[in-house]
């Protein structure tokens, strides 16, 4: 998975720590958090499974090669948000927005 402005590898843990701090600064937990991803069409089911039984909105790209996925979930902490991103990051080709 690729994040806009995320460094490639070595500073991964440091990046996640800064991201959690930012989440904590900007949110009062619990809160409704919006997740947005783009996935290759063949990875849609993998990405949807990250959200379990929660409803997700899926939109198809003009050529149908990619799907955008939006989910609104009630999160209790920055750790829960990061856990979703980390699970999605294990799926090849997924981009976080």
PDB file of N, CA and C in Angstrom:
ATOM      1  N   UNK A   1       0.844  -1.163   0.000  1.00  0.00           N
ATOM      2  CA  UNK A   1       0.000   0.000   0.000  1.00  0.00           C
ATOM      3  C   UNK A   1       0.888   1.223   0.000  1.00  0.00           C
ATOM      4  N   UNK A   2       0.437   2.260  -0.614  1.00  0.00           N
ATOM      5  CA  UNK A   2       1.227   3.477  -0.722  1.00  0.00           C
ATOM      6  C   UNK A   2       0.437   4.630  -0.110  1.00  0.00           C
ATOM      7  N   UNK A   3       1.088   5.401   0.729  1.00  0.00           N
ATOM      8  CA  UNK A   3       0.506   6.601   1.287  1.00  0.00           C
ATOM      9  C   UNK A   3       1.146   7.784   0.612  1.00  0.00           C
ATOM     10  N   UNK A   4       0.365   8.798   0.361  1.00  0.00           N
ATOM     11  CA  UNK A   4       0.928  10.026  -0.160  1.00  0.00           C
ATOM     12  C   UNK A   4       1.820  10.599   0.929  1.00  0.00           C
ATOM     13  N   UNK A   5       3.041  10.982   0.596  1.00  0.00           N
ATOM     14  CA  UNK A   5       4.033  11.553   1.501  1.00  0.00           C
ATOM     15  C   UNK A   5       4.618  10.556   2.495  1.00  0.00           C
ATOM     16  N   UNK A   6       4.407   9.268   2.311  1.00  0.00           N
ATOM     17  CA  UNK A   6       5.012   8.284   3.207  1.00  0.00           C
ATOM     18  C   UNK A   6       6.368   7.878   2.653  1.00  0.00           C
ATOM     19  N   UNK A   7       7.400   7.873   3.512  1.00  0.00           N
ATOM     20  CA  UNK A   7       8.711   7.418   3.046  1.00  0.00           C
ATOM     21  C   UNK A   7       8.689   5.950   2.690  1.00  0.00           C
ATOM     22  N   UNK A   8       9.644   5.529   1.913  1.00  0.00           N
ATOM     23  CA  UNK A   8       9.658   4.156   1.417  1.00  0.00           C
ATOM     24  C   UNK A   8       9.783   3.081   2.481  1.00  0.00           C
ATOM     25  N   UNK A   9      10.901   2.966   3.219  1.00  0.00           N
ATOM     26  CA  UNK A   9      11.030   1.797   4.072  1.00  0.00           C
ATOM     27  C   UNK A   9      11.558   2.078   5.463  1.00  0.00           C
ATOM     28  N   UNK A  10      12.785   2.508   5.575  1.00  0.00           N
ATOM     29  CA  UNK A  10      13.503   2.520   6.846  1.00  0.00           C
ATOM     30  C   UNK A  10      12.777   3.259   7.961  1.00  0.00           C
ATOM     31  N   UNK A  11      12.117   4.334   7.662  1.00  0.00           N
ATOM     32  CA  UNK A  11      11.475   5.135   8.695  1.00  0.00           C
ATOM     33  C   UNK A  11      10.021   4.737   8.935  1.00  0.00           C
ATOM     34  N   UNK A  12       9.649   3.533   8.528  1.00  0.00           N
ATOM     35  CA  UNK A  12       8.260   3.084   8.631  1.00  0.00           C
ATOM     36  C   UNK A  12       7.676   3.250  10.027  1.00  0.00           C
ATOM     37  N   UNK A  13       8.335   2.705  11.035  1.00  0.00           N
ATOM     38  CA  UNK A  13       7.796   2.773  12.399  1.00  0.00           C
ATOM     39  C   UNK A  13       7.695   4.216  12.882  1.00  0.00           C
ATOM     40  N   UNK A  14       8.696   4.998  12.569  1.00  0.00           N
ATOM     41  CA  UNK A  14       8.679   6.407  12.936  1.00  0.00           C
ATOM     42  C   UNK A  14       7.531   7.138  12.239  1.00  0.00           C
ATOM     43  N   UNK A  15       7.300   6.792  10.967  1.00  0.00           N
ATOM     44  CA  UNK A  15       6.205   7.413  10.219  1.00  0.00           C
ATOM     45  C   UNK A  15       4.862   7.078  10.855  1.00  0.00           C
ATOM     46  N   UNK A  16       4.668   5.800  11.210  1.00  0.00           N
ATOM     47  CA  UNK A  16       3.404   5.392  11.849  1.00  0.00           C
ATOM     48  C   UNK A  16       3.214   6.101  13.186  1.00  0.00           C
ATOM     49  N   UNK A  17       4.282   6.268  13.951  1.00  0.00           N
ATOM     50  CA  UNK A  17       4.196   6.979  15.234  1.00  0.00           C
ATOM     51  C   UNK A  17       3.764   8.425  15.025  1.00  0.00           C
ATOM     52  N   UNK A  18       4.348   9.084  14.031  1.00  0.00           N
ATOM     53  CA  UNK A  18       3.945  10.469  13.727  1.00  0.00           C
ATOM     54  C   UNK A  18       2.501  10.520  13.253  1.00  0.00           C
ATOM     55  N   UNK A  19       2.089   9.538  12.456  1.00  0.00           N
ATOM     56  CA  UNK A  19       0.713   9.488  11.970  1.00  0.00           C
ATOM     57  C   UNK A  19      -0.255   9.329  13.146  1.00  0.00           C
ATOM     58  N   UNK A  20       0.064   8.447  14.097  1.00  0.00           N
ATOM     59  CA  UNK A  20      -0.791   8.274  15.274  1.00  0.00           C
ATOM     60  C   UNK A  20      -0.881   9.571  16.077  1.00  0.00           C
ATOM     61  N   UNK A  21       0.240  10.257  16.231  1.00  0.00           N
ATOM     62  CA  UNK A  21       0.221  11.536  16.947  1.00  0.00           C
ATOM     63  C   UNK A  21      -0.685  12.534  16.244  1.00  0.00           C
ATOM     64  N   UNK A  22      -0.588  12.601  14.945  1.00  0.00           N
ATOM     65  CA  UNK A  22      -1.429  13.500  14.164  1.00  0.00           C
ATOM     66  C   UNK A  22      -2.908  13.140  14.328  1.00  0.00           C
ATOM     67  N   UNK A  23      -3.209  11.855  14.258  1.00  0.00           N
ATOM     68  CA  UNK A  23      -4.593  11.408  14.462  1.00  0.00           C
ATOM     69  C   UNK A  23      -5.103  11.824  15.835  1.00  0.00           C
ATOM     70  N   UNK A  24      -4.266  11.637  16.859  1.00  0.00           N
ATOM     71  CA  UNK A  24      -4.674  11.991  18.220  1.00  0.00           C
ATOM     72  C   UNK A  24      -4.851  13.495  18.387  1.00  0.00           C
ATOM     73  N   UNK A  25      -4.023  14.271  17.701  1.00  0.00           N
ATOM     74  CA  UNK A  25      -4.149  15.730  17.771  1.00  0.00           C
ATOM     75  C   UNK A  25      -5.418  16.233  17.091  1.00  0.00           C
ATOM     76  N   UNK A  26      -5.846  15.549  16.040  1.00  0.00           N
ATOM     77  CA  UNK A  26      -6.955  16.050  15.232  1.00  0.00           C
ATOM     78  C   UNK A  26      -8.300  15.383  15.514  1.00  0.00           C
ATOM     79  N   UNK A  27      -8.323  14.382  16.402  1.00  0.00           N
ATOM     80  CA  UNK A  27      -9.569  13.669  16.656  1.00  0.00           C
ATOM     81  C   UNK A  27      -9.814  13.518  18.151  1.00  0.00           C
ATOM     82  N   UNK A  28     -11.089  13.533  18.510  1.00  0.00           N
ATOM     83  CA  UNK A  28     -11.516  13.183  19.861  1.00  0.00           C
ATOM     84  C   UNK A  28     -12.127  11.798  19.763  1.00  0.00           C
ATOM     85  N   UNK A  29     -11.490  10.834  20.418  1.00  0.00           N
ATOM     86  CA  UNK A  29     -11.933   9.442  20.339  1.00  0.00           C
ATOM     87  C   UNK A  29     -13.042   9.186  21.344  1.00  0.00           C
ATOM     88  N   UNK A  30     -14.014   8.364  20.973  1.00  0.00           N
ATOM     89  CA  UNK A  30     -14.218   7.722  19.668  1.00  0.00           C
ATOM     90  C   UNK A  30     -14.736   8.731  18.641  1.00  0.00           C
ATOM     91  N   UNK A  31     -14.525   8.399  17.378  1.00  0.00           N
ATOM     92  CA  UNK A  31     -14.968   9.269  16.293  1.00  0.00           C
ATOM     93  C   UNK A  31     -15.289   8.435  15.055  1.00  0.00           C
ATOM     94  N   UNK A  32     -16.021   9.025  14.154  1.00  0.00           N
ATOM     95  CA  UNK A  32     -16.280   8.398  12.858  1.00  0.00           C
ATOM     96  C   UNK A  32     -15.125   8.776  11.940  1.00  0.00           C
ATOM     97  N   UNK A  33     -14.425   7.768  11.428  1.00  0.00           N
ATOM     98  CA  UNK A  33     -13.239   8.000  10.608  1.00  0.00           C
ATOM     99  C   UNK A  33     -13.512   7.519   9.188  1.00  0.00           C
ATOM    100  N   UNK A  34     -13.087   8.292   8.211  1.00  0.00           N
ATOM    101  CA  UNK A  34     -13.279   7.940   6.811  1.00  0.00           C
ATOM    102  C   UNK A  34     -11.990   7.370   6.238  1.00  0.00           C
ATOM    103  N   UNK A  35     -12.087   6.171   5.695  1.00  0.00           N
ATOM    104  CA  UNK A  35     -10.978   5.515   5.009  1.00  0.00           C
ATOM    105  C   UNK A  35     -11.248   5.562   3.514  1.00  0.00           C
ATOM    106  N   UNK A  36     -10.213   5.861   2.736  1.00  0.00           N
ATOM    107  CA  UNK A  36     -10.335   5.864   1.277  1.00  0.00           C
ATOM    108  C   UNK A  36      -9.127   5.153   0.689  1.00  0.00           C
ATOM    109  N   UNK A  37      -9.409   4.229  -0.221  1.00  0.00           N
ATOM    110  CA  UNK A  37      -8.367   3.451  -0.867  1.00  0.00           C
ATOM    111  C   UNK A  37      -8.678   3.301  -2.341  1.00  0.00           C
ATOM    112  N   UNK A  38      -7.639   3.032  -3.118  1.00  0.00           N
ATOM    113  CA  UNK A  38      -7.784   2.618  -4.512  1.00  0.00           C
ATOM    114  C   UNK A  38      -7.107   1.264  -4.622  1.00  0.00           C
ATOM    115  N   UNK A  39      -7.796   0.329  -5.293  1.00  0.00           N
ATOM    116  CA  UNK A  39      -7.262  -1.026  -5.421  1.00  0.00           C
ATOM    117  C   UNK A  39      -7.435  -1.518  -6.850  1.00  0.00           C
ATOM    118  N   UNK A  40      -6.514  -2.360  -7.308  1.00  0.00           N
ATOM    119  CA  UNK A  40      -6.740  -3.026  -8.585  1.00  0.00           C
ATOM    120  C   UNK A  40      -8.044  -3.819  -8.490  1.00  0.00           C
ATOM    121  N   UNK A  41      -8.788  -3.889  -9.575  1.00  0.00           N
ATOM    122  CA  UNK A  41     -10.091  -4.555  -9.560  1.00  0.00           C
ATOM    123  C   UNK A  41     -10.009  -5.967  -8.989  1.00  0.00           C
ATOM    124  N   UNK A  42      -8.948  -6.681  -9.286  1.00  0.00           N
ATOM    125  CA  UNK A  42      -8.797  -8.052  -8.810  1.00  0.00           C
ATOM    126  C   UNK A  42      -8.521  -8.172  -7.323  1.00  0.00           C
ATOM    127  N   UNK A  43      -8.252  -7.073  -6.656  1.00  0.00           N
ATOM    128  CA  UNK A  43      -7.965  -7.077  -5.208  1.00  0.00           C
ATOM    129  C   UNK A  43      -9.111  -6.489  -4.387  1.00  0.00           C
ATOM    130  N   UNK A  44     -10.237  -6.200  -5.034  1.00  0.00           N
ATOM    131  CA  UNK A  44     -11.359  -5.569  -4.345  1.00  0.00           C
ATOM    132  C   UNK A  44     -11.847  -6.397  -3.161  1.00  0.00           C
ATOM    133  N   UNK A  45     -12.056  -7.691  -3.361  1.00  0.00           N
ATOM    134  CA  UNK A  45     -12.556  -8.526  -2.269  1.00  0.00           C
ATOM    135  C   UNK A  45     -11.580  -8.567  -1.103  1.00  0.00           C
ATOM    136  N   UNK A  46     -10.281  -8.597  -1.401  1.00  0.00           N
ATOM    137  CA  UNK A  46      -9.270  -8.573  -0.336  1.00  0.00           C
ATOM    138  C   UNK A  46      -9.393  -7.289   0.480  1.00  0.00           C
ATOM    139  N   UNK A  47      -9.540  -6.169  -0.214  1.00  0.00           N
ATOM    140  CA  UNK A  47      -9.640  -4.891   0.476  1.00  0.00           C
ATOM    141  C   UNK A  47     -10.942  -4.793   1.258  1.00  0.00           C
ATOM    142  N   UNK A  48     -12.038  -5.236   0.674  1.00  0.00           N
ATOM    143  CA  UNK A  48     -13.309  -5.185   1.393  1.00  0.00           C
ATOM    144  C   UNK A  48     -13.272  -6.023   2.664  1.00  0.00           C
ATOM    145  N   UNK A  49     -12.516  -7.103   2.656  1.00  0.00           N
ATOM    146  CA  UNK A  49     -12.451  -7.971   3.833  1.00  0.00           C
ATOM    147  C   UNK A  49     -11.780  -7.270   5.020  1.00  0.00           C
ATOM    148  N   UNK A  50     -10.975  -6.250   4.765  1.00  0.00           N
ATOM    149  CA  UNK A  50     -10.349  -5.477   5.836  1.00  0.00           C
ATOM    150  C   UNK A  50     -11.425  -4.836   6.719  1.00  0.00           C
ATOM    151  N   UNK A  51     -12.570  -4.529   6.135  1.00  0.00           N
ATOM    152  CA  UNK A  51     -13.639  -3.830   6.840  1.00  0.00           C
ATOM    153  C   UNK A  51     -14.698  -4.763   7.418  1.00  0.00           C
ATOM    154  N   UNK A  52     -14.488  -6.065   7.303  1.00  0.00           N
ATOM    155  CA  UNK A  52     -15.423  -7.026   7.879  1.00  0.00           C
ATOM    156  C   UNK A  52     -16.828  -6.843   7.341  1.00  0.00           C
ATOM    157  N   UNK A  53     -17.792  -6.773   8.249  1.00  0.00           N
ATOM    158  CA  UNK A  53     -19.202  -6.645   7.871  1.00  0.00           C
ATOM    159  C   UNK A  53     -19.633  -5.196   7.649  1.00  0.00           C
ATOM    160  N   UNK A  54     -18.716  -4.254   7.815  1.00  0.00           N
ATOM    161  CA  UNK A  54     -19.067  -2.848   7.641  1.00  0.00           C
ATOM    162  C   UNK A  54     -19.338  -2.539   6.173  1.00  0.00           C
ATOM    163  N   UNK A  55     -20.253  -1.632   5.954  1.00  0.00           N
ATOM    164  CA  UNK A  55     -20.605  -1.205   4.604  1.00  0.00           C
ATOM    165  C   UNK A  55     -19.489  -0.350   4.017  1.00  0.00           C
ATOM    166  N   UNK A  56     -19.150  -0.619   2.762  1.00  0.00           N
ATOM    167  CA  UNK A  56     -18.180   0.195   2.039  1.00  0.00           C
ATOM    168  C   UNK A  56     -18.812   0.667   0.735  1.00  0.00           C
ATOM    169  N   UNK A  57     -18.369   1.815   0.281  1.00  0.00           N
ATOM    170  CA  UNK A  57     -18.834   2.342  -1.006  1.00  0.00           C
ATOM    171  C   UNK A  57     -17.745   2.058  -2.031  1.00  0.00           C
ATOM    172  N   UNK A  58     -18.131   1.474  -3.149  1.00  0.00           N
ATOM    173  CA  UNK A  58     -17.178   1.109  -4.196  1.00  0.00           C
ATOM    174  C   UNK A  58     -17.547   1.845  -5.478  1.00  0.00           C
ATOM    175  N   UNK A  59     -16.542   2.453  -6.095  1.00  0.00           N
ATOM    176  CA  UNK A  59     -16.725   3.100  -7.387  1.00  0.00           C
ATOM    177  C   UNK A  59     -15.670   2.558  -8.334  1.00  0.00           C
ATOM    178  N   UNK A  60     -16.066   2.362  -9.566  1.00  0.00           N
ATOM    179  CA  UNK A  60     -15.182   1.789 -10.577  1.00  0.00           C
ATOM    180  C   UNK A  60     -14.524   2.889 -11.396  1.00  0.00           C
ATOM    181  N   UNK A  61     -13.264   2.686 -11.773  1.00  0.00           N
ATOM    182  CA  UNK A  61     -12.591   3.637 -12.655  1.00  0.00           C
ATOM    183  C   UNK A  61     -13.230   3.571 -14.043  1.00  0.00           C
ATOM    184  N   UNK A  62     -12.932   4.548 -14.874  1.00  0.00           N
ATOM    185  CA  UNK A  62     -13.566   4.620 -16.191  1.00  0.00           C
ATOM    186  C   UNK A  62     -13.304   3.387 -17.048  1.00  0.00           C
ATOM    187  N   UNK A  63     -12.122   2.788 -16.922  1.00  0.00           N
ATOM    188  CA  UNK A  63     -11.807   1.581 -17.694  1.00  0.00           C
ATOM    189  C   UNK A  63     -12.081   0.292 -16.907  1.00  0.00           C
ATOM    190  N   UNK A  64     -12.442   0.427 -15.643  1.00  0.00           N
ATOM    191  CA  UNK A  64     -12.766  -0.739 -14.829  1.00  0.00           C
ATOM    192  C   UNK A  64     -11.565  -1.466 -14.248  1.00  0.00           C
ATOM    193  N   UNK A  65     -10.375  -0.912 -14.430  1.00  0.00           N
ATOM    194  CA  UNK A  65      -9.174  -1.573 -13.923  1.00  0.00           C
ATOM    195  C   UNK A  65      -8.973  -1.377 -12.427  1.00  0.00           C
ATOM    196  N   UNK A  66      -9.530  -0.308 -11.886  1.00  0.00           N
ATOM    197  CA  UNK A  66      -9.351   0.033 -10.475  1.00  0.00           C
ATOM    198  C   UNK A  66     -10.691   0.302  -9.828  1.00  0.00           C
ATOM    199  N   UNK A  67     -10.717   0.130  -8.511  1.00  0.00           N
ATOM    200  CA  UNK A  67     -11.916   0.412  -7.724  1.00  0.00           C
ATOM    201  C   UNK A  67     -11.507   1.341  -6.596  1.00  0.00           C
ATOM    202  N   UNK A  68     -12.326   2.337  -6.326  1.00  0.00           N
ATOM    203  CA  UNK A  68     -12.095   3.158  -5.144  1.00  0.00           C
ATOM    204  C   UNK A  68     -13.046   2.660  -4.062  1.00  0.00           C
ATOM    205  N   UNK A  69     -12.532   2.602  -2.858  1.00  0.00           N
ATOM    206  CA  UNK A  69     -13.295   2.081  -1.726  1.00  0.00           C
ATOM    207  C   UNK A  69     -13.296   3.134  -0.637  1.00  0.00           C
ATOM    208  N   UNK A  70     -14.487   3.467  -0.155  1.00  0.00           N
ATOM    209  CA  UNK A  70     -14.640   4.416   0.943  1.00  0.00           C
ATOM    210  C   UNK A  70     -15.422   3.727   2.045  1.00  0.00           C
ATOM    211  N   UNK A  71     -14.946   3.863   3.275  1.00  0.00           N
ATOM    212  CA  UNK A  71     -15.639   3.287   4.425  1.00  0.00           C
ATOM    213  C   UNK A  71     -15.630   4.298   5.561  1.00  0.00           C
ATOM    214  N   UNK A  72     -16.753   4.401   6.244  1.00  0.00           N
ATOM    215  CA  UNK A  72     -16.889   5.260   7.418  1.00  0.00           C
ATOM    216  C   UNK A  72     -17.087   4.341   8.618  1.00  0.00           C
ATOM    217  N   UNK A  73     -16.094   4.315   9.500  1.00  0.00           N
ATOM    218  CA  UNK A  73     -16.159   3.434  10.662  1.00  0.00           C
ATOM    219  C   UNK A  73     -15.993   4.237  11.947  1.00  0.00           C
ATOM    220  N   UNK A  74     -16.641   3.768  12.982  1.00  0.00           N
ATOM    221  CA  UNK A  74     -16.470   4.373  14.304  1.00  0.00           C
ATOM    222  C   UNK A  74     -15.222   3.763  14.933  1.00  0.00           C
ATOM    223  N   UNK A  75     -14.231   4.611  15.167  1.00  0.00           N
ATOM    224  CA  UNK A  75     -12.955   4.174  15.710  1.00  0.00           C
ATOM    225  C   UNK A  75     -12.805   4.704  17.136  1.00  0.00           C
ATOM    226  N   UNK A  76     -12.200   3.874  17.992  1.00  0.00           N
ATOM    227  CA  UNK A  76     -12.012   4.243  19.397  1.00  0.00           C
ATOM    228  C   UNK A  76     -10.645   4.856  19.684  1.00  0.00           C
ATOM    229  N   UNK A  77      -9.688   4.683  18.757  1.00  0.00           N
ATOM    230  CA  UNK A  77      -8.339   5.183  19.006  1.00  0.00           C
ATOM    231  C   UNK A  77      -7.548   5.254  17.709  1.00  0.00           C
ATOM    232  N   UNK A  78      -6.431   5.964  17.784  1.00  0.00           N
ATOM    233  CA  UNK A  78      -5.535   6.031  16.621  1.00  0.00           C
ATOM    234  C   UNK A  78      -4.953   4.652  16.317  1.00  0.00           C
ATOM    235  N   UNK A  79      -4.775   3.836  17.343  1.00  0.00           N
ATOM    236  CA  UNK A  79      -4.250   2.481  17.134  1.00  0.00           C
ATOM    237  C   UNK A  79      -5.195   1.658  16.249  1.00  0.00           C
ATOM    238  N   UNK A  80      -6.514   1.815  16.438  1.00  0.00           N
ATOM    239  CA  UNK A  80      -7.478   1.099  15.604  1.00  0.00           C
ATOM    240  C   UNK A  80      -7.391   1.561  14.154  1.00  0.00           C
ATOM    241  N   UNK A  81      -7.229   2.858  13.954  1.00  0.00           N
ATOM    242  CA  UNK A  81      -7.111   3.402  12.594  1.00  0.00           C
ATOM    243  C   UNK A  81      -5.866   2.834  11.923  1.00  0.00           C
ATOM    244  N   UNK A  82      -4.750   2.877  12.624  1.00  0.00           N
ATOM    245  CA  UNK A  82      -3.495   2.378  12.068  1.00  0.00           C
ATOM    246  C   UNK A  82      -3.600   0.886  11.755  1.00  0.00           C
ATOM    247  N   UNK A  83      -4.293   0.134  12.594  1.00  0.00           N
ATOM    248  CA  UNK A  83      -4.449  -1.307  12.343  1.00  0.00           C
ATOM    249  C   UNK A  83      -5.151  -1.565  11.009  1.00  0.00           C
ATOM    250  N   UNK A  84      -6.146  -0.746  10.676  1.00  0.00           N
ATOM    251  CA  UNK A  84      -6.835  -0.889   9.382  1.00  0.00           C
ATOM    252  C   UNK A  84      -5.853  -0.601   8.248  1.00  0.00           C
ATOM    253  N   UNK A  85      -5.115   0.499   8.366  1.00  0.00           N
ATOM    254  CA  UNK A  85      -4.147   0.836   7.330  1.00  0.00           C
ATOM    255  C   UNK A  85      -3.073  -0.241   7.187  1.00  0.00           C
ATOM    256  N   UNK A  86      -2.604  -0.774   8.291  1.00  0.00           N
ATOM    257  CA  UNK A  86      -1.570  -1.803   8.218  1.00  0.00           C
ATOM    258  C   UNK A  86      -2.100  -3.072   7.561  1.00  0.00           C
ATOM    259  N   UNK A  87      -3.332  -3.442   7.861  1.00  0.00           N
ATOM    260  CA  UNK A  87      -3.907  -4.629   7.219  1.00  0.00           C
ATOM    261  C   UNK A  87      -4.072  -4.396   5.721  1.00  0.00           C
ATOM    262  N   UNK A  88      -4.551  -3.228   5.355  1.00  0.00           N
ATOM    263  CA  UNK A  88      -4.719  -2.915   3.934  1.00  0.00           C
ATOM    264  C   UNK A  88      -3.373  -2.863   3.221  1.00  0.00           C
ATOM    265  N   UNK A  89      -2.322  -2.476   3.944  1.00  0.00           N
ATOM    266  CA  UNK A  89      -1.002  -2.361   3.324  1.00  0.00           C
ATOM    267  C   UNK A  89      -0.432  -3.713   2.906  1.00  0.00           C
ATOM    268  N   UNK A  90      -0.993  -4.790   3.420  1.00  0.00           N
ATOM    269  CA  UNK A  90      -0.519  -6.125   3.039  1.00  0.00           C
ATOM    270  C   UNK A  90      -1.079  -6.572   1.693  1.00  0.00           C
ATOM    271  N   UNK A  91      -1.974  -5.801   1.124  1.00  0.00           N
ATOM    272  CA  UNK A  91      -2.608  -6.148  -0.153  1.00  0.00           C
ATOM    273  C   UNK A  91      -1.862  -5.453  -1.289  1.00  0.00           C
ATOM    274  N   UNK A  92      -1.348  -6.250  -2.217  1.00  0.00           N
ATOM    275  CA  UNK A  92      -0.578  -5.705  -3.340  1.00  0.00           C
ATOM    276  C   UNK A  92      -1.395  -4.711  -4.157  1.00  0.00           C
ATOM    277  N   UNK A  93      -0.777  -3.580  -4.456  1.00  0.00           N
ATOM    278  CA  UNK A  93      -1.380  -2.601  -5.358  1.00  0.00           C
ATOM    279  C   UNK A  93      -2.338  -1.634  -4.736  1.00  0.00           C
ATOM    280  N   UNK A  94      -2.605  -1.736  -3.435  1.00  0.00           N
ATOM    281  CA  UNK A  94      -3.554  -0.852  -2.777  1.00  0.00           C
ATOM    282  C   UNK A  94      -2.887   0.493  -2.478  1.00  0.00           C
ATOM    283  N   UNK A  95      -3.601   1.567  -2.757  1.00  0.00           N
ATOM    284  CA  UNK A  95      -3.125   2.923  -2.500  1.00  0.00           C
ATOM    285  C   UNK A  95      -4.101   3.575  -1.518  1.00  0.00           C
ATOM    286  N   UNK A  96      -3.537   4.183  -0.490  1.00  0.00           N
ATOM    287  CA  UNK A  96      -4.345   4.902   0.492  1.00  0.00           C
ATOM    288  C   UNK A  96      -4.417   6.368   0.113  1.00  0.00           C
ATOM    289  N   UNK A  97      -5.575   6.945   0.275  1.00  0.00           N
ATOM    290  CA  UNK A  97      -5.726   8.373  -0.008  1.00  0.00           C
ATOM    291  C   UNK A  97      -5.954   9.130   1.282  1.00  0.00           C
TER     292      UNK A  97
END
